[in-house]
Amino acid sequence: MATLWKIATGFNVAFSAFLETAPLQPAAMLHRYGELPIFNQDNADMRVVPLFPFDHQLGFDMFVIDLSPWRAQ
């Protein structure tokens, strides 16, 4: 995840561009929490849930990163 974040920042593209192929969207669209695709990384016990998809006019998207509690091995 950190590597993808660095690549997105370096190329000045949305982080979500690496998670899905986004179809062209109309000028206004309503997104509800939980309806957008969730990126799970089971081997890292984490998931990334988009709160707001990338907005080209504003130039940002927002995510919640859920980390599982640490497990003793």
PDB file of N, CA and C in Angstrom:
ATOM      1  N   MET A   1       0.819  -1.183   0.000  1.00  0.00           N
ATOM      2  CA  MET A   1       0.000   0.000   0.000  1.00  0.00           C
ATOM      3  C   MET A   1       0.868   1.254   0.000  1.00  0.00           C
ATOM      4  N   ALA A   2       1.903   1.237   0.828  1.00  0.00           N
ATOM      5  CA  ALA A   2       2.770   2.416   0.910  1.00  0.00           C
ATOM      6  C   ALA A   2       3.449   2.676  -0.426  1.00  0.00           C
ATOM      7  N   THR A   3       3.826   1.597  -1.116  1.00  0.00           N
ATOM      8  CA  THR A   3       4.480   1.754  -2.417  1.00  0.00           C
ATOM      9  C   THR A   3       3.519   2.352  -3.433  1.00  0.00           C
ATOM     10  N   LEU A   4       2.281   1.853  -3.457  1.00  0.00           N
ATOM     11  CA  LEU A   4       1.291   2.417  -4.384  1.00  0.00           C
ATOM     12  C   LEU A   4       1.031   3.885  -4.072  1.00  0.00           C
ATOM     13  N   TRP A   5       0.988   4.224  -2.780  1.00  0.00           N
ATOM     14  CA  TRP A   5       0.764   5.614  -2.381  1.00  0.00           C
ATOM     15  C   TRP A   5       1.894   6.502  -2.888  1.00  0.00           C
ATOM     16  N   LYS A   6       3.135   6.033  -2.765  1.00  0.00           N
ATOM     17  CA  LYS A   6       4.286   6.804  -3.237  1.00  0.00           C
ATOM     18  C   LYS A   6       4.261   6.968  -4.753  1.00  0.00           C
ATOM     19  N   ILE A   7       3.892   5.904  -5.458  1.00  0.00           N
ATOM     20  CA  ILE A   7       3.816   5.982  -6.919  1.00  0.00           C
ATOM     21  C   ILE A   7       2.739   6.974  -7.335  1.00  0.00           C
ATOM     22  N   ALA A   8       1.561   6.886  -6.702  1.00  0.00           N
ATOM     23  CA  ALA A   8       0.468   7.810  -7.026  1.00  0.00           C
ATOM     24  C   ALA A   8       0.881   9.249  -6.773  1.00  0.00           C
ATOM     25  N   THR A   9       1.553   9.486  -5.662  1.00  0.00           N
ATOM     26  CA  THR A   9       2.012  10.836  -5.341  1.00  0.00           C
ATOM     27  C   THR A   9       3.060  11.302  -6.333  1.00  0.00           C
ATOM     28  N   GLY A  10       3.994  10.422  -6.683  1.00  0.00           N
ATOM     29  CA  GLY A  10       5.059  10.781  -7.618  1.00  0.00           C
ATOM     30  C   GLY A  10       4.550  11.120  -9.004  1.00  0.00           C
ATOM     31  N   PHE A  11       3.542  10.378  -9.465  1.00  0.00           N
ATOM     32  CA  PHE A  11       2.976  10.622 -10.789  1.00  0.00           C
ATOM     33  C   PHE A  11       1.803  11.592 -10.754  1.00  0.00           C
ATOM     34  N   ASN A  12       1.447  12.064  -9.559  1.00  0.00           N
ATOM     35  CA  ASN A  12       0.349  13.014  -9.391  1.00  0.00           C
ATOM     36  C   ASN A  12      -0.961  12.469  -9.963  1.00  0.00           C
ATOM     37  N   VAL A  13      -1.249  11.203  -9.613  1.00  0.00           N
ATOM     38  CA  VAL A  13      -2.501  10.568 -10.024  1.00  0.00           C
ATOM     39  C   VAL A  13      -3.236  10.108  -8.768  1.00  0.00           C
ATOM     40  N   ALA A  14      -4.500   9.791  -8.918  1.00  0.00           N
ATOM     41  CA  ALA A  14      -5.312   9.330  -7.792  1.00  0.00           C
ATOM     42  C   ALA A  14      -4.852   7.948  -7.344  1.00  0.00           C
ATOM     43  N   PHE A  15      -4.793   7.731  -6.044  1.00  0.00           N
ATOM     44  CA  PHE A  15      -4.450   6.423  -5.492  1.00  0.00           C
ATOM     45  C   PHE A  15      -5.419   5.365  -6.005  1.00  0.00           C
ATOM     46  N   SER A  16      -6.683   5.731  -6.147  1.00  0.00           N
ATOM     47  CA  SER A  16      -7.697   4.782  -6.600  1.00  0.00           C
ATOM     48  C   SER A  16      -7.481   4.328  -8.034  1.00  0.00           C
ATOM     49  N   ALA A  17      -6.667   5.029  -8.809  1.00  0.00           N
ATOM     50  CA  ALA A  17      -6.383   4.613 -10.185  1.00  0.00           C
ATOM     51  C   ALA A  17      -5.691   3.258 -10.207  1.00  0.00           C
ATOM     52  N   PHE A  18      -5.019   2.893  -9.126  1.00  0.00           N
ATOM     53  CA  PHE A  18      -4.333   1.610  -9.053  1.00  0.00           C
ATOM     54  C   PHE A  18      -5.231   0.500  -8.526  1.00  0.00           C
ATOM     55  N   LEU A  19      -6.397   0.831  -8.032  1.00  0.00           N
ATOM     56  CA  LEU A  19      -7.273  -0.156  -7.429  1.00  0.00           C
ATOM     57  C   LEU A  19      -8.378  -0.629  -8.355  1.00  0.00           C
ATOM     58  N   GLU A  20      -8.764   0.171  -9.307  1.00  0.00           N
ATOM     59  CA  GLU A  20      -9.894  -0.174 -10.168  1.00  0.00           C
ATOM     60  C   GLU A  20      -9.806   0.615 -11.460  1.00  0.00           C
ATOM     61  N   THR A  21     -10.556   0.154 -12.440  1.00  0.00           N
ATOM     62  CA  THR A  21     -10.690   0.952 -13.651  1.00  0.00           C
ATOM     63  C   THR A  21     -11.976   1.742 -13.514  1.00  0.00           C
ATOM     64  N   ALA A  22     -11.869   3.027 -13.482  1.00  0.00           N
ATOM     65  CA  ALA A  22     -13.026   3.892 -13.257  1.00  0.00           C
ATOM     66  C   ALA A  22     -13.672   4.264 -14.584  1.00  0.00           C
ATOM     67  N   PRO A  23     -14.956   3.977 -14.736  1.00  0.00           N
ATOM     68  CA  PRO A  23     -15.653   4.416 -15.942  1.00  0.00           C
ATOM     69  C   PRO A  23     -15.841   5.929 -15.913  1.00  0.00           C
ATOM     70  N   LEU A  24     -16.095   6.497 -17.072  1.00  0.00           N
ATOM     71  CA  LEU A  24     -16.380   7.932 -17.127  1.00  0.00           C
ATOM     72  C   LEU A  24     -17.649   8.205 -16.335  1.00  0.00           C
ATOM     73  N   GLN A  25     -17.613   9.256 -15.541  1.00  0.00           N
ATOM     74  CA  GLN A  25     -18.740   9.561 -14.672  1.00  0.00           C
ATOM     75  C   GLN A  25     -19.427  10.844 -15.125  1.00  0.00           C
ATOM     76  N   PRO A  26     -20.737  10.925 -14.913  1.00  0.00           N
ATOM     77  CA  PRO A  26     -21.437  12.170 -15.222  1.00  0.00           C
ATOM     78  C   PRO A  26     -20.967  13.287 -14.285  1.00  0.00           C
ATOM     79  N   ALA A  27     -21.398  14.511 -14.568  1.00  0.00           N
ATOM     80  CA  ALA A  27     -20.955  15.679 -13.802  1.00  0.00           C
ATOM     81  C   ALA A  27     -21.250  15.536 -12.310  1.00  0.00           C
ATOM     82  N   ALA A  28     -22.393  14.983 -11.940  1.00  0.00           N
ATOM     83  CA  ALA A  28     -22.733  14.819 -10.523  1.00  0.00           C
ATOM     84  C   ALA A  28     -23.177  13.384 -10.288  1.00  0.00           C
ATOM     85  N   MET A  29     -22.663  12.789  -9.221  1.00  0.00           N
ATOM     86  CA  MET A  29     -23.024  11.415  -8.912  1.00  0.00           C
ATOM     87  C   MET A  29     -23.037  11.244  -7.399  1.00  0.00           C
ATOM     88  N   LEU A  30     -24.008  10.521  -6.893  1.00  0.00           N
ATOM     89  CA  LEU A  30     -24.121  10.261  -5.465  1.00  0.00           C
ATOM     90  C   LEU A  30     -23.467   8.921  -5.156  1.00  0.00           C
ATOM     91  N   HIS A  31     -22.521   8.928  -4.216  1.00  0.00           N
ATOM     92  CA  HIS A  31     -21.870   7.696  -3.766  1.00  0.00           C
ATOM     93  C   HIS A  31     -22.217   7.492  -2.302  1.00  0.00           C
ATOM     94  N   ARG A  32     -22.606   6.287  -1.975  1.00  0.00           N
ATOM     95  CA  ARG A  32     -22.913   5.969  -0.586  1.00  0.00           C
ATOM     96  C   ARG A  32     -21.802   5.093  -0.018  1.00  0.00           C
ATOM     97  N   TYR A  33     -21.505   5.318   1.265  1.00  0.00           N
ATOM     98  CA  TYR A  33     -20.471   4.537   1.931  1.00  0.00           C
ATOM     99  C   TYR A  33     -20.804   3.058   1.804  1.00  0.00           C
ATOM    100  N   GLY A  34     -19.854   2.267   1.404  1.00  0.00           N
ATOM    101  CA  GLY A  34     -20.055   0.835   1.261  1.00  0.00           C
ATOM    102  C   GLY A  34     -20.406   0.412  -0.148  1.00  0.00           C
ATOM    103  N   GLU A  35     -20.786   1.343  -1.025  1.00  0.00           N
ATOM    104  CA  GLU A  35     -21.122   0.996  -2.403  1.00  0.00           C
ATOM    105  C   GLU A  35     -19.895   1.010  -3.310  1.00  0.00           C
ATOM    106  N   LEU A  36     -18.845   1.695  -2.899  1.00  0.00           N
ATOM    107  CA  LEU A  36     -17.627   1.746  -3.692  1.00  0.00           C
ATOM    108  C   LEU A  36     -16.796   0.499  -3.412  1.00  0.00           C
ATOM    109  N   PRO A  37     -15.966   0.066  -4.372  1.00  0.00           N
ATOM    110  CA  PRO A  37     -15.191  -1.160  -4.171  1.00  0.00           C
ATOM    111  C   PRO A  37     -14.185  -1.023  -3.027  1.00  0.00           C
ATOM    112  N   ILE A  38     -14.050  -2.091  -2.263  1.00  0.00           N
ATOM    113  CA  ILE A  38     -13.128  -2.135  -1.128  1.00  0.00           C
ATOM    114  C   ILE A  38     -11.908  -2.942  -1.533  1.00  0.00           C
ATOM    115  N   PHE A  39     -10.727  -2.444  -1.196  1.00  0.00           N
ATOM    116  CA  PHE A  39      -9.483  -3.143  -1.485  1.00  0.00           C
ATOM    117  C   PHE A  39      -9.023  -3.840  -0.215  1.00  0.00           C
ATOM    118  N   ASN A  40      -8.971  -5.176  -0.257  1.00  0.00           N
ATOM    119  CA  ASN A  40      -8.516  -5.961   0.891  1.00  0.00           C
ATOM    120  C   ASN A  40      -7.125  -6.492   0.627  1.00  0.00           C
ATOM    121  N   GLN A  41      -6.295  -6.470   1.644  1.00  0.00           N
ATOM    122  CA  GLN A  41      -4.979  -7.088   1.565  1.00  0.00           C
ATOM    123  C   GLN A  41      -4.869  -8.018   2.764  1.00  0.00           C
ATOM    124  N   ASP A  42      -5.265  -9.285   2.548  1.00  0.00           N
ATOM    125  CA  ASP A  42      -5.371 -10.238   3.647  1.00  0.00           C
ATOM    126  C   ASP A  42      -4.037 -10.520   4.322  1.00  0.00           C
ATOM    127  N   ASN A  43      -2.963 -10.588   3.533  1.00  0.00           N
ATOM    128  CA  ASN A  43      -1.675 -10.920   4.134  1.00  0.00           C
ATOM    129  C   ASN A  43      -1.150  -9.793   5.020  1.00  0.00           C
ATOM    130  N   ALA A  44      -1.712  -8.604   4.914  1.00  0.00           N
ATOM    131  CA  ALA A  44      -1.309  -7.482   5.769  1.00  0.00           C
ATOM    132  C   ALA A  44      -2.390  -7.155   6.794  1.00  0.00           C
ATOM    133  N   ASP A  45      -3.482  -7.919   6.809  1.00  0.00           N
ATOM    134  CA  ASP A  45      -4.595  -7.688   7.735  1.00  0.00           C
ATOM    135  C   ASP A  45      -5.069  -6.244   7.691  1.00  0.00           C
ATOM    136  N   MET A  46      -5.349  -5.770   6.491  1.00  0.00           N
ATOM    137  CA  MET A  46      -5.822  -4.400   6.340  1.00  0.00           C
ATOM    138  C   MET A  46      -6.773  -4.320   5.155  1.00  0.00           C
ATOM    139  N   ARG A  47      -7.554  -3.250   5.125  1.00  0.00           N
ATOM    140  CA  ARG A  47      -8.403  -2.972   3.968  1.00  0.00           C
ATOM    141  C   ARG A  47      -8.496  -1.468   3.796  1.00  0.00           C
ATOM    142  N   VAL A  48      -8.737  -1.053   2.555  1.00  0.00           N
ATOM    143  CA  VAL A  48      -8.872   0.363   2.223  1.00  0.00           C
ATOM    144  C   VAL A  48     -10.288   0.573   1.704  1.00  0.00           C
ATOM    145  N   VAL A  49     -11.027   1.446   2.369  1.00  0.00           N
ATOM    146  CA  VAL A  49     -12.415   1.730   2.001  1.00  0.00           C
ATOM    147  C   VAL A  49     -12.494   3.169   1.506  1.00  0.00           C
ATOM    148  N   PRO A  50     -12.902   3.374   0.249  1.00  0.00           N
ATOM    149  CA  PRO A  50     -13.005   4.752  -0.239  1.00  0.00           C
ATOM    150  C   PRO A  50     -14.190   5.482   0.390  1.00  0.00           C
ATOM    151  N   LEU A  51     -13.946   6.691   0.873  1.00  0.00           N
ATOM    152  CA  LEU A  51     -15.025   7.552   1.363  1.00  0.00           C
ATOM    153  C   LEU A  51     -15.538   8.439   0.245  1.00  0.00           C
ATOM    154  N   PHE A  52     -14.602   9.020  -0.521  1.00  0.00           N
ATOM    155  CA  PHE A  52     -14.930   9.856  -1.666  1.00  0.00           C
ATOM    156  C   PHE A  52     -14.080   9.396  -2.835  1.00  0.00           C
ATOM    157  N   PRO A  53     -14.683   9.097  -3.991  1.00  0.00           N
ATOM    158  CA  PRO A  53     -13.873   8.731  -5.152  1.00  0.00           C
ATOM    159  C   PRO A  53     -13.087   9.942  -5.649  1.00  0.00           C
ATOM    160  N   PHE A  54     -12.099   9.705  -6.481  1.00  0.00           N
ATOM    161  CA  PHE A  54     -11.253  10.784  -6.984  1.00  0.00           C
ATOM    162  C   PHE A  54     -12.097  11.804  -7.733  1.00  0.00           C
ATOM    163  N   ASP A  55     -11.916  13.060  -7.400  1.00  0.00           N
ATOM    164  CA  ASP A  55     -12.592  14.173  -8.062  1.00  0.00           C
ATOM    165  C   ASP A  55     -11.544  14.939  -8.856  1.00  0.00           C
ATOM    166  N   HIS A  56     -11.686  14.938 -10.187  1.00  0.00           N
ATOM    167  CA  HIS A  56     -10.689  15.585 -11.043  1.00  0.00           C
ATOM    168  C   HIS A  56     -10.631  17.093 -10.826  1.00  0.00           C
ATOM    169  N   GLN A  57     -11.748  17.713 -10.496  1.00  0.00           N
ATOM    170  CA  GLN A  57     -11.739  19.161 -10.277  1.00  0.00           C
ATOM    171  C   GLN A  57     -11.015  19.528  -8.988  1.00  0.00           C
ATOM    172  N   LEU A  58     -11.231  18.752  -7.940  1.00  0.00           N
ATOM    173  CA  LEU A  58     -10.587  19.034  -6.660  1.00  0.00           C
ATOM    174  C   LEU A  58      -9.205  18.395  -6.553  1.00  0.00           C
ATOM    175  N   GLY A  59      -8.988  17.322  -7.310  1.00  0.00           N
ATOM    176  CA  GLY A  59      -7.686  16.671  -7.341  1.00  0.00           C
ATOM    177  C   GLY A  59      -7.367  15.812  -6.129  1.00  0.00           C
ATOM    178  N   PHE A  60      -8.392  15.205  -5.504  1.00  0.00           N
ATOM    179  CA  PHE A  60      -8.104  14.314  -4.380  1.00  0.00           C
ATOM    180  C   PHE A  60      -9.210  13.284  -4.222  1.00  0.00           C
ATOM    181  N   ASP A  61      -8.875  12.222  -3.503  1.00  0.00           N
ATOM    182  CA  ASP A  61      -9.847  11.237  -3.064  1.00  0.00           C
ATOM    183  C   ASP A  61      -9.541  10.943  -1.604  1.00  0.00           C
ATOM    184  N   MET A  62     -10.499  10.339  -0.891  1.00  0.00           N
ATOM    185  CA  MET A  62     -10.315  10.119   0.541  1.00  0.00           C
ATOM    186  C   MET A  62     -10.650   8.671   0.873  1.00  0.00           C
ATOM    187  N   PHE A  63      -9.822   8.067   1.727  1.00  0.00           N
ATOM    188  CA  PHE A  63      -9.973   6.672   2.099  1.00  0.00           C
ATOM    189  C   PHE A  63      -9.927   6.511   3.610  1.00  0.00           C
ATOM    190  N   VAL A  64     -10.509   5.405   4.073  1.00  0.00           N
ATOM    191  CA  VAL A  64     -10.340   4.951   5.446  1.00  0.00           C
ATOM    192  C   VAL A  64      -9.520   3.677   5.361  1.00  0.00           C
ATOM    193  N   ILE A  65      -8.444   3.604   6.134  1.00  0.00           N
ATOM    194  CA  ILE A  65      -7.621   2.401   6.161  1.00  0.00           C
ATOM    195  C   ILE A  65      -7.887   1.699   7.480  1.00  0.00           C
ATOM    196  N   ASP A  66      -8.464   0.489   7.387  1.00  0.00           N
ATOM    197  CA  ASP A  66      -8.754  -0.316   8.574  1.00  0.00           C
ATOM    198  C   ASP A  66      -7.631  -1.322   8.767  1.00  0.00           C
ATOM    199  N   LEU A  67      -7.008  -1.277   9.933  1.00  0.00           N
ATOM    200  CA  LEU A  67      -5.954  -2.227  10.276  1.00  0.00           C
ATOM    201  C   LEU A  67      -6.488  -3.199  11.314  1.00  0.00           C
ATOM    202  N   SER A  68      -6.253  -4.480  11.098  1.00  0.00           N
ATOM    203  CA  SER A  68      -6.649  -5.476  12.088  1.00  0.00           C
ATOM    204  C   SER A  68      -5.734  -5.367  13.290  1.00  0.00           C
ATOM    205  N   PRO A  69      -6.238  -5.711  14.461  1.00  0.00           N
ATOM    206  CA  PRO A  69      -5.366  -5.679  15.643  1.00  0.00           C
ATOM    207  C   PRO A  69      -4.171  -6.609  15.446  1.00  0.00           C
ATOM    208  N   TRP A  70      -3.067  -6.238  16.038  1.00  0.00           N
ATOM    209  CA  TRP A  70      -1.855  -7.030  15.916  1.00  0.00           C
ATOM    210  C   TRP A  70      -2.070  -8.394  16.550  1.00  0.00           C
ATOM    211  N   ARG A  71      -1.544  -9.437  15.894  1.00  0.00           N
ATOM    212  CA  ARG A  71      -1.680 -10.800  16.403  1.00  0.00           C
ATOM    213  C   ARG A  71      -0.317 -11.347  16.786  1.00  0.00           C
ATOM    214  N   ALA A  72      -0.233 -12.022  17.919  1.00  0.00           N
ATOM    215  CA  ALA A  72       1.015 -12.685  18.313  1.00  0.00           C
ATOM    216  C   ALA A  72       1.214 -13.894  17.410  1.00  0.00           C
ATOM    217  N   GLN A  73       2.444 -14.115  17.008  1.00  0.00           N
ATOM    218  CA  GLN A  73       2.702 -15.246  16.103  1.00  0.00           C
ATOM    219  C   GLN A  73       3.468 -16.333  16.798  1.00  0.00           C
TER     220      GLN A  73
END
